[in-house]
Amino acid sequence: MSICKTLYARKQLLETQLVITDLINKNMALEQENQRLKEHESDPLIWRNAKYWKDGDDVPFCPICYESPERYRYHLTPYSPTAGAIAYTCGHCKRYS
């Protein structure tokens, strides 16, 4: 086999390995997404008082994050802006209060 053919074959092999690695990574991401969606389906959140709640959980989830295409579930952090009042902020999106 000539040197050119050998180099070409090695280049093709390397490109194929890169494609395989990329496909493996995409597959892993899809498996993780599938698992997350299954968990959401089996453990739904309830919309109440302009926030999402999970049965048995005293801390609501951020509606902005949950309504995103990724359906993230981030707990809101309670704080008291004034005496006796409770408000919430999202540590992830920083937009909810």
Foldseek 3Di string as FASTA:
>chain_A
DDPVVVVVVVVVVVVVVVVVVVVVVVVVVVVVLVVVVVVCVVFPWDDDPNFTHTPPDPFTFDPVCCPPPSNDGFTWDWDDPDPPDIATATPPPRPGD
